[in-house]
Amino acid sequence: MATSSGTVKKTALSDFSRPMKRGIIAVGLKPDDFLVGVALTDGQKDVMLFSDSGKAVRFDENDVRPMGRGAAGVRGMNLEEGQKVISMLVAKAEVEGEQTDQTVLTATENGFGKRTLITEYTRHGRGTKGMIAIQTSERNGKVVAATIVTDSDEIMLVTTGGVLIRTSVKDIRVMGRATQGVTLINLDDGTQLASLQRIVENDEVEDTGEETSSDA
């Protein structure tokens, strides 16, 4: 789990084996903090945190010791005043010499973004300020999203004005970390990019053997 203040926490899945109707505590949060990401891991993954200032940290998940549900967690990213973590990603550790087509797609509030090879995000110690993921500027604005994608993926971009577009990832240029990126979406006046989401298609459509009408 990761929070907006840069805190991370790892808890055994077995600790959630007895849910209650009213819910159970998953992490202790301060009044001004909130969760930004939760993911299942297997002890062999890297955790990546991205801040709205365009920085990123990547560290071995085993740098975080397991804790109980009520614990608050430990420092995952060192943020400056006014900054917050906006995304947590879980990545497979690269094997030396192994080729990968995975890239990290970052997007900013003014509709700009880029893809960067995941191998450019090297491991650093937990709790550091991190490395540049994308240059923030007056043109770009703050970072609002980051996700892992491949050439075969598609994404949906959603604006604060309720506009949604769907685009192919392969149409977005792969660029180095210390660049500003390209236009992902043209925004109407007064609107910003709110979020992006990788589209997961169903591999198969279940065949029930029943006929359906054209209306269906």
Protein backbone atom coordinates (compact mmCIF):
# COMPACT_ATOMS: atom_id res chain seq x y z
CA MET A 1 0.00 0.00 0.00
CA ALA A 2 1.14 3.57 -0.66
CA THR A 3 -0.26 6.90 0.54
CA SER A 4 -0.15 10.43 -0.80
CA SER A 5 2.38 11.46 1.86
CA GLY A 6 4.91 8.91 0.60
CA THR A 7 4.28 6.20 3.19
CA VAL A 8 4.36 2.52 2.15
CA LYS A 9 3.23 -0.59 3.96
CA LYS A 10 3.28 -4.33 3.31
CA THR A 11 0.85 -6.69 5.05
CA ALA A 12 0.36 -10.43 4.64
CA LEU A 13 -2.79 -11.24 2.66
CA SER A 14 -3.77 -13.71 5.39
CA ASP A 15 -4.36 -10.74 7.72
CA PHE A 16 -7.41 -9.90 5.60
CA SER A 17 -8.92 -13.40 5.72
CA ARG A 18 -11.73 -12.44 8.13
CA PRO A 19 -13.52 -9.43 6.62
CA MET A 20 -16.45 -7.79 8.39
CA LYS A 21 -19.54 -6.15 6.95
CA ARG A 22 -18.46 -2.76 8.20
CA GLY A 23 -14.94 -3.35 6.84
CA ILE A 24 -11.62 -3.79 8.60
CA ILE A 25 -8.66 -1.48 9.07
CA ALA A 26 -6.05 -1.91 6.35
CA VAL A 27 -3.67 0.93 7.25
CA GLY A 28 -3.45 3.67 9.85
CA LEU A 29 -3.81 7.05 8.15
CA LYS A 30 -3.24 10.59 9.35
CA PRO A 31 -6.19 12.99 8.87
CA ASP A 32 -4.62 14.69 5.82
CA ASP A 33 -3.36 11.47 4.16
CA PHE A 34 -5.05 8.97 1.83
CA LEU A 35 -4.29 5.80 -0.13
CA VAL A 36 -3.13 6.19 -3.73
CA GLY A 37 -2.41 2.56 -4.58
CA VAL A 38 -2.73 -1.04 -3.42
CA ALA A 39 -1.24 -4.08 -5.16
CA LEU A 40 -0.60 -7.77 -4.58
CA THR A 41 3.05 -8.80 -4.59
CA ASP A 42 4.92 -12.09 -4.24
CA GLY A 43 8.13 -11.01 -2.54
CA GLN A 44 10.01 -10.69 -5.84
CA LYS A 45 8.79 -7.32 -7.14
CA ASP A 46 9.98 -3.72 -7.19
CA VAL A 47 7.80 -0.87 -5.94
CA MET A 48 7.70 2.39 -7.90
CA LEU A 49 6.28 5.62 -6.47
CA PHE A 50 5.56 8.73 -8.56
CA SER A 51 4.99 12.23 -7.22
CA ASP A 52 3.03 15.10 -8.75
CA SER A 53 6.33 17.00 -9.04
CA GLY A 54 7.61 14.57 -11.70
CA LYS A 55 9.89 12.48 -9.48
CA ALA A 56 9.96 8.69 -9.04
CA VAL A 57 11.59 6.18 -6.71
CA ARG A 58 12.05 2.46 -7.30
CA PHE A 59 13.06 -0.01 -4.60
CA ASP A 60 12.95 -3.71 -3.75
CA GLU A 61 9.71 -4.57 -1.98
CA ASN A 62 11.79 -6.48 0.59
CA ASP A 63 13.10 -3.11 1.80
CA VAL A 64 9.70 -2.88 3.53
CA ARG A 65 9.13 -5.34 6.37
CA PRO A 66 5.67 -6.89 6.81
CA MET A 67 3.42 -5.08 9.31
CA GLY A 68 0.02 -5.60 10.89
CA ARG A 69 -3.17 -4.07 9.51
CA GLY A 70 -3.27 -1.21 11.96
CA ALA A 71 0.31 -0.04 11.38
CA ALA A 72 0.95 3.25 9.60
CA GLY A 73 3.88 2.04 7.48
CA VAL A 74 7.32 3.45 6.71
CA ARG A 75 8.76 6.18 4.50
CA GLY A 76 8.73 5.18 0.84
CA MET A 77 9.47 8.55 -0.77
CA ASN A 78 10.86 11.77 0.65
CA LEU A 79 8.63 14.61 -0.52
CA GLU A 80 9.14 18.35 -0.37
CA GLU A 81 6.45 20.57 1.12
CA GLY A 82 3.31 20.72 -1.01
CA GLN A 83 4.15 17.59 -3.00
CA LYS A 84 2.26 14.30 -2.93
CA VAL A 85 2.52 10.78 -4.33
CA ILE A 86 -0.02 10.19 -7.10
CA SER A 87 0.72 6.62 -8.18
CA MET A 88 2.23 3.34 -7.01
CA LEU A 89 3.32 0.69 -9.54
CA VAL A 90 4.62 -2.83 -9.00
CA ALA A 91 7.20 -4.04 -11.50
CA LYS A 92 9.07 -7.29 -12.10
CA ALA A 93 12.78 -6.96 -11.38
CA GLU A 94 14.74 -7.05 -14.64
CA VAL A 95 17.19 -9.85 -15.32
CA GLU A 96 20.51 -8.67 -16.77
CA GLY A 97 20.50 -9.11 -20.55
CA GLU A 98 16.74 -9.76 -20.67
CA GLN A 99 14.78 -7.74 -23.22
CA THR A 100 11.56 -6.05 -22.11
CA ASP A 101 8.88 -4.10 -23.97
CA GLN A 102 7.51 -2.52 -20.81
CA THR A 103 7.46 1.25 -20.60
CA VAL A 104 6.23 3.69 -17.99
CA LEU A 105 3.62 6.14 -19.26
CA THR A 106 3.47 9.41 -17.35
CA ALA A 107 0.86 12.12 -17.94
CA THR A 108 0.43 15.69 -16.71
CA GLU A 109 -2.60 17.81 -15.92
CA ASN A 110 -2.18 19.95 -19.05
CA GLY A 111 -2.51 16.92 -21.34
CA PHE A 112 1.14 16.10 -22.01
CA GLY A 113 2.95 12.84 -21.44
CA LYS A 114 5.45 10.29 -22.69
CA ARG A 115 6.63 6.72 -22.44
CA THR A 116 10.01 5.81 -20.97
CA LEU A 117 11.65 2.39 -20.90
CA ILE A 118 11.17 0.86 -17.47
CA THR A 119 14.88 -0.03 -17.41
CA GLU A 120 15.68 3.70 -17.15
CA TYR A 121 14.12 3.62 -13.69
CA THR A 122 16.94 2.11 -11.65
CA ARG A 123 16.67 0.95 -8.07
CA HIS A 124 17.45 3.42 -5.31
CA GLY A 125 17.04 3.23 -1.59
CA ARG A 126 13.60 3.51 -0.06
CA GLY A 127 12.83 6.95 1.35
CA THR A 128 14.86 8.99 -1.15
CA LYS A 129 13.64 12.01 -3.14
CA GLY A 130 13.88 9.96 -6.32
CA MET A 131 14.86 10.60 -9.92
CA ILE A 132 13.21 12.66 -12.65
CA ALA A 133 10.35 10.80 -14.33
CA ILE A 134 9.08 13.71 -16.46
CA GLN A 135 9.95 17.39 -16.49
CA THR A 136 7.23 19.48 -14.88
CA SER A 137 6.90 23.03 -16.19
CA GLU A 138 4.35 25.76 -16.76
CA ARG A 139 3.48 23.99 -20.02
CA ASN A 140 3.04 20.55 -18.46
CA GLY A 141 1.64 21.30 -15.04
CA LYS A 142 1.71 18.65 -12.33
CA VAL A 143 1.86 14.91 -12.94
CA VAL A 144 -1.54 13.24 -12.53
CA ALA A 145 -0.91 9.64 -13.61
CA ALA A 146 1.70 6.95 -14.21
CA THR A 147 1.20 3.38 -15.37
CA ILE A 148 3.13 0.48 -16.92
CA VAL A 149 2.21 -0.25 -20.54
CA THR A 150 3.38 -2.13 -23.64
CA ASP A 151 3.00 -1.40 -27.37
CA SER A 152 -0.07 -3.65 -27.61
CA ASP A 153 -2.02 -1.75 -24.93
CA GLU A 154 -4.61 0.98 -25.24
CA ILE A 155 -5.37 3.69 -22.71
CA MET A 156 -8.31 5.93 -21.84
CA LEU A 157 -7.71 9.58 -20.97
CA VAL A 158 -10.35 11.38 -18.90
CA THR A 159 -10.60 15.16 -18.44
CA THR A 160 -12.15 17.18 -15.63
CA GLY A 161 -14.77 18.28 -18.17
CA GLY A 162 -15.99 14.71 -18.60
CA VAL A 163 -14.37 14.13 -22.01
CA LEU A 164 -12.90 10.66 -22.59
CA ILE A 165 -10.70 9.53 -25.44
CA ARG A 166 -9.20 6.13 -26.21
CA THR A 167 -5.82 5.83 -27.89
CA SER A 168 -3.19 3.23 -28.74
CA VAL A 169 -0.04 3.22 -26.63
CA LYS A 170 2.19 2.59 -29.65
CA ASP A 171 1.24 6.04 -30.97
CA ILE A 172 2.93 7.68 -27.97
CA ARG A 173 6.65 8.32 -28.35
CA VAL A 174 9.25 6.62 -26.16
CA MET A 175 11.48 9.32 -24.66
CA GLY A 176 14.08 9.68 -21.92
CA ARG A 177 13.16 10.49 -18.33
CA ALA A 178 14.39 14.09 -18.35
CA THR A 179 12.06 15.31 -21.10
CA GLN A 180 8.69 17.09 -21.16
CA GLY A 181 6.80 14.72 -23.44
CA VAL A 182 4.27 15.27 -26.20
CA THR A 183 0.59 16.12 -26.44
CA LEU A 184 -1.64 13.22 -25.33
CA ILE A 185 -4.95 15.07 -25.46
CA ASN A 186 -6.14 18.53 -26.53
CA LEU A 187 -8.00 20.12 -23.65
CA ASP A 188 -10.87 22.58 -23.70
CA ASP A 189 -10.36 25.90 -21.93
CA GLY A 190 -10.68 25.56 -18.18
CA THR A 191 -10.25 21.77 -18.13
CA GLN A 192 -7.37 19.51 -17.17
CA LEU A 193 -6.45 15.87 -17.57
CA ALA A 194 -7.86 14.07 -14.55
CA SER A 195 -6.55 10.54 -15.05
CA LEU A 196 -5.60 7.81 -17.47
CA GLN A 197 -6.27 4.10 -17.34
CA ARG A 198 -4.78 1.16 -19.20
CA ILE A 199 -7.55 -0.82 -20.88
CA VAL A 200 -7.63 -4.51 -20.07
CA GLU A 201 -9.49 -6.48 -22.73
CA ASN A 202 -11.11 -9.85 -22.05
CA ASP A 203 -9.17 -12.54 -23.92
CA GLU A 204 -12.28 -14.60 -24.47
CA VAL A 205 -16.01 -13.99 -24.70
CA GLU A 206 -17.93 -16.67 -22.87
CA ASP A 207 -20.19 -18.70 -25.15
CA THR A 208 -23.39 -19.59 -23.29
CA GLY A 209 -24.94 -21.33 -26.27
CA GLU A 210 -28.01 -19.12 -26.04
CA GLU A 211 -29.27 -16.99 -28.89
CA THR A 212 -29.42 -13.25 -28.34
CA SER A 213 -31.54 -10.64 -30.05
CA SER A 214 -30.07 -7.84 -32.13
CA ASP A 215 -31.14 -5.43 -29.38
CA ALA A 216 -28.99 -7.36 -26.89
